[in-house]
Amino acid sequence: MTDALWRLLSLFWPVRVARWQGRYQPLELTYELGRPVVNSLHANQSWGSLHRLWQQVLPQVLPPGPGPDRALVLGFGAGSVASILHRELHRQVRIVGIEGEPLMLQLADRQHRPFDRALVSVHEADAFAWARACTDAPYPLVVVDLFVELDVPEAAAEEPFLDDLRRLTAADGLLVVNTIPHDEITRDRSERIASGMRLRFERVQELALEGVNRVFIAR
């Protein structure tokens, strides 16, 4: 089938195009309502509800004007955040993306949701190890979107990573962390992330979105 036919058929029912065993979880590319989405068994991983979430978050939290000039995305996925910043919000921000799933990087290369390639540098790496080793200048915008299925990894709630996030966020910058507290363990993990951010940043705001997400914004 062609891309155009998949899009047409998906207006009536979801059309699964491909399924793979990823490094962390099974992944599939499906067309829904004319648009491609990347799902795992139990969660959207890019372009679906996750794309809608960042469409709501980023316009709310970014300052007016053309900035920021640089951003770090830990959990780049297939490029939703980059696509929203470049194509929907028209912000010419240079983005460093970190993604540990090779399949996601292949999907990002297919440009289903285009972003400006000249402004994006994507690295295949474990986000926690990369953050610990990074010696870049702090970023005006840091986005953390790290999930295996519905779960944020335990390491995201631990002191070393939270310290790294503080170091990687510019003094006048913005840190945005997405979580899904769907059971006792993940509720505790989400709350520890929020508490750790409050200890390290002057102001932390919370957004409840998509019925399940808790997004923390630190300034």
Protein backbone atom coordinates (compact mmCIF):
# COMPACT_ATOMS: atom_id res chain seq x y z
CA MET A 1 0.00 0.00 0.00
CA THR A 2 1.01 3.61 -0.51
CA ASP A 3 1.18 6.24 2.19
CA ALA A 4 -1.85 7.99 0.66
CA LEU A 5 -3.95 4.80 0.77
CA TRP A 6 -2.99 4.13 4.42
CA ARG A 7 -4.08 7.65 5.28
CA LEU A 8 -7.40 7.23 3.48
CA LEU A 9 -8.26 3.85 5.04
CA SER A 10 -7.29 5.08 8.51
CA LEU A 11 -10.12 7.61 8.37
CA PHE A 12 -12.44 4.63 8.91
CA TRP A 13 -10.36 2.32 11.15
CA PRO A 14 -6.74 2.17 12.40
CA VAL A 15 -4.31 0.67 9.89
CA ARG A 16 -1.20 -1.01 11.29
CA VAL A 17 1.67 -0.57 8.87
CA ALA A 18 4.53 -2.28 10.70
CA ARG A 19 5.43 -3.89 14.02
CA TRP A 20 8.91 -4.35 15.48
CA GLN A 21 10.57 -5.55 18.67
CA GLY A 22 12.37 -2.49 19.95
CA ARG A 23 15.24 -2.27 22.41
CA TYR A 24 12.89 -1.58 25.35
CA GLN A 25 9.43 -2.66 24.16
CA PRO A 26 7.43 -3.72 21.09
CA LEU A 27 6.62 -0.83 18.77
CA GLU A 28 4.21 -0.40 15.89
CA LEU A 29 3.53 2.23 13.27
CA THR A 30 -0.21 2.75 12.79
CA TYR A 31 -2.25 5.25 10.82
CA GLU A 32 -5.19 6.72 12.74
CA LEU A 33 -7.57 9.36 11.33
CA GLY A 34 -5.20 10.03 8.47
CA ARG A 35 -2.06 10.52 10.56
CA PRO A 36 0.78 8.18 11.54
CA VAL A 37 1.30 7.32 15.22
CA VAL A 38 3.90 5.20 16.99
CA ASN A 39 2.55 2.98 19.77
CA SER A 40 3.88 0.39 22.18
CA LEU A 41 1.54 -2.28 23.55
CA HIS A 42 -0.09 0.02 26.11
CA ALA A 43 0.92 3.58 25.28
CA ASN A 44 1.40 6.10 22.53
CA GLN A 45 5.11 6.76 22.04
CA SER A 46 5.03 9.51 19.42
CA TRP A 47 2.67 11.62 17.27
CA GLY A 48 -0.63 10.55 18.90
CA SER A 49 -1.82 11.56 22.38
CA LEU A 50 1.78 12.41 23.25
CA HIS A 51 1.91 14.86 20.35
CA ARG A 52 -1.37 16.41 21.53
CA LEU A 53 0.08 16.74 25.03
CA TRP A 54 3.10 18.73 23.81
CA GLN A 55 0.83 20.81 21.59
CA GLN A 56 -0.90 21.90 24.79
CA VAL A 57 2.19 22.26 26.99
CA LEU A 58 4.69 24.10 24.83
CA PRO A 59 2.54 27.13 23.87
CA GLN A 60 1.62 27.57 27.55
CA VAL A 61 5.11 27.47 28.99
CA LEU A 62 7.31 29.14 26.37
CA PRO A 63 7.96 32.85 26.75
CA PRO A 64 6.66 35.23 24.06
CA GLY A 65 8.97 36.01 21.19
CA PRO A 66 11.14 33.88 18.92
CA GLY A 67 13.21 32.08 21.62
CA PRO A 68 14.53 29.93 23.13
CA ASP A 69 17.53 29.58 20.84
CA ARG A 70 18.58 26.11 22.13
CA ALA A 71 16.76 23.12 23.58
CA LEU A 72 17.60 19.68 24.93
CA VAL A 73 15.07 16.87 24.49
CA LEU A 74 15.74 13.77 26.59
CA GLY A 75 13.53 11.14 24.99
CA PHE A 76 13.43 12.58 21.47
CA GLY A 77 11.22 9.77 20.18
CA ALA A 78 10.20 10.23 16.55
CA GLY A 79 10.36 14.02 16.73
CA SER A 80 7.06 15.35 18.09
CA VAL A 81 8.60 18.13 20.21
CA ALA A 82 10.90 19.21 17.38
CA SER A 83 8.03 19.22 14.90
CA ILE A 84 5.83 21.33 17.19
CA LEU A 85 8.60 23.84 17.91
CA HIS A 86 9.65 24.23 14.28
CA ARG A 87 6.50 23.71 12.20
CA GLU A 88 3.63 24.63 14.51
CA LEU A 89 5.13 27.30 16.76
CA HIS A 90 7.62 28.57 14.14
CA ARG A 91 10.49 28.77 16.60
CA GLN A 92 13.91 28.37 15.02
CA VAL A 93 15.38 26.67 18.06
CA ARG A 94 18.45 24.45 17.76
CA ILE A 95 17.63 21.10 19.34
CA VAL A 96 19.85 18.39 20.79
CA GLY A 97 17.81 15.20 21.00
CA ILE A 98 18.76 12.11 23.00
CA GLU A 99 17.02 8.82 22.19
CA GLY A 100 17.94 5.30 23.28
CA GLU A 101 15.66 3.44 20.85
CA PRO A 102 17.20 3.01 17.38
CA LEU A 103 13.80 2.31 15.81
CA MET A 104 12.52 5.67 16.97
CA LEU A 105 15.44 7.38 15.27
CA GLN A 106 14.65 5.54 12.03
CA LEU A 107 11.04 6.73 12.26
CA ALA A 108 12.20 10.29 12.94
CA ASP A 109 14.30 10.09 9.76
CA ARG A 110 11.16 9.25 7.77
CA GLN A 111 9.83 12.72 8.66
CA HIS A 112 6.16 11.83 9.09
CA ARG A 113 5.97 14.96 11.26
CA PRO A 114 8.65 17.17 9.71
CA PHE A 115 11.10 19.31 11.62
CA ASP A 116 14.02 21.38 10.41
CA ARG A 117 16.84 18.84 10.06
CA ALA A 118 19.46 21.59 9.92
CA LEU A 119 18.50 22.67 13.43
CA VAL A 120 18.36 19.19 15.02
CA SER A 121 21.20 17.00 16.24
CA VAL A 122 20.00 13.60 17.49
CA HIS A 123 22.17 11.16 19.42
CA GLU A 124 21.44 7.50 20.12
CA ALA A 125 22.30 7.20 23.81
CA ASP A 126 20.95 6.33 27.24
CA ALA A 127 19.52 9.62 28.49
CA PHE A 128 20.71 9.15 32.08
CA ALA A 129 24.30 8.33 31.09
CA TRP A 130 24.34 11.13 28.54
CA ALA A 131 23.05 13.68 31.05
CA ARG A 132 25.66 12.65 33.60
CA ALA A 133 28.51 12.98 31.09
CA CYS A 134 27.27 16.13 29.32
CA THR A 135 29.50 19.20 29.58
CA ASP A 136 27.43 21.46 27.30
CA ALA A 137 26.49 24.95 28.39
CA PRO A 138 23.11 24.93 30.16
CA TYR A 139 20.06 24.92 27.88
CA PRO A 140 17.29 27.56 27.94
CA LEU A 141 14.76 24.73 27.45
CA VAL A 142 15.04 21.12 28.67
CA VAL A 143 12.24 18.64 27.87
CA VAL A 144 12.20 15.23 29.58
CA ASP A 145 9.89 12.62 28.03
CA LEU A 146 11.33 9.26 29.08
CA PHE A 147 9.01 6.27 29.12
CA VAL A 148 8.99 2.49 28.82
CA GLU A 149 5.34 1.77 28.08
CA LEU A 150 3.46 3.98 30.59
CA ASP A 151 6.30 4.12 33.11
CA VAL A 152 8.94 6.75 33.69
CA PRO A 153 12.13 4.87 34.65
CA GLU A 154 13.05 4.81 38.34
CA ALA A 155 16.32 6.60 37.57
CA ALA A 156 14.33 9.70 36.59
CA ALA A 157 13.26 10.17 40.22
CA GLU A 158 16.71 9.68 41.73
CA GLU A 159 18.95 12.42 43.07
CA PRO A 160 21.80 12.13 40.51
CA PHE A 161 19.51 12.65 37.53
CA LEU A 162 17.61 15.49 39.19
CA ASP A 163 20.95 17.14 39.94
CA ASP A 164 21.92 16.70 36.28
CA LEU A 165 18.68 18.32 35.15
CA ARG A 166 19.35 21.32 37.37
CA ARG A 167 22.87 21.62 35.93
CA LEU A 168 21.65 21.29 32.33
CA THR A 169 18.92 23.93 32.73
CA ALA A 170 20.02 27.55 32.35
CA ALA A 171 19.58 29.85 35.35
CA ASP A 172 16.75 31.67 33.54
CA GLY A 173 15.66 28.55 31.67
CA LEU A 174 12.76 26.15 31.67
CA LEU A 175 12.64 22.44 32.57
CA VAL A 176 9.58 20.40 31.56
CA VAL A 177 9.13 16.80 32.75
CA ASN A 178 6.30 14.49 31.66
CA THR A 179 5.03 11.69 33.94
CA ILE A 180 2.08 9.27 34.02
CA PRO A 181 1.14 8.28 37.62
CA HIS A 182 -1.12 5.32 36.85
CA ASP A 183 -0.51 3.08 39.90
CA GLU A 184 0.99 3.28 43.40
CA ILE A 185 4.59 2.87 42.22
CA THR A 186 4.34 5.45 39.44
CA ARG A 187 2.39 7.89 41.62
CA ASP A 188 5.20 7.75 44.16
CA ARG A 189 7.79 8.16 41.41
CA SER A 190 5.97 11.13 39.92
CA GLU A 191 5.72 12.80 43.32
CA ARG A 192 9.45 12.26 44.01
CA ILE A 193 10.26 13.91 40.68
CA ALA A 194 8.05 16.88 41.61
CA SER A 195 9.55 17.13 45.10
CA GLY A 196 13.09 16.93 43.74
CA MET A 197 12.37 19.69 41.24
CA ARG A 198 10.90 21.91 43.98
CA LEU A 199 14.11 21.55 45.96
CA ARG A 200 16.22 22.60 42.99
CA PHE A 201 14.14 25.29 41.29
CA GLU A 202 12.51 28.48 42.49
CA ARG A 203 9.09 27.74 41.03
CA VAL A 204 7.44 24.49 39.86
CA GLN A 205 4.07 24.44 38.12
CA GLU A 206 1.99 21.32 37.41
CA LEU A 207 -0.33 20.63 34.48
CA ALA A 208 -2.80 17.72 34.43
CA LEU A 209 -3.43 16.71 30.80
CA GLU A 210 -4.91 13.93 28.65
CA GLY A 211 -6.59 12.46 31.73
CA VAL A 212 -3.43 10.68 32.94
CA ASN A 213 -0.37 12.92 32.54
CA ARG A 214 1.25 15.08 35.21
CA VAL A 215 3.63 17.54 33.60
CA PHE A 216 5.97 19.54 35.83
CA ILE A 217 7.37 22.89 34.68
CA ALA A 218 10.29 24.33 36.60
CA ARG A 219 11.59 27.88 36.19
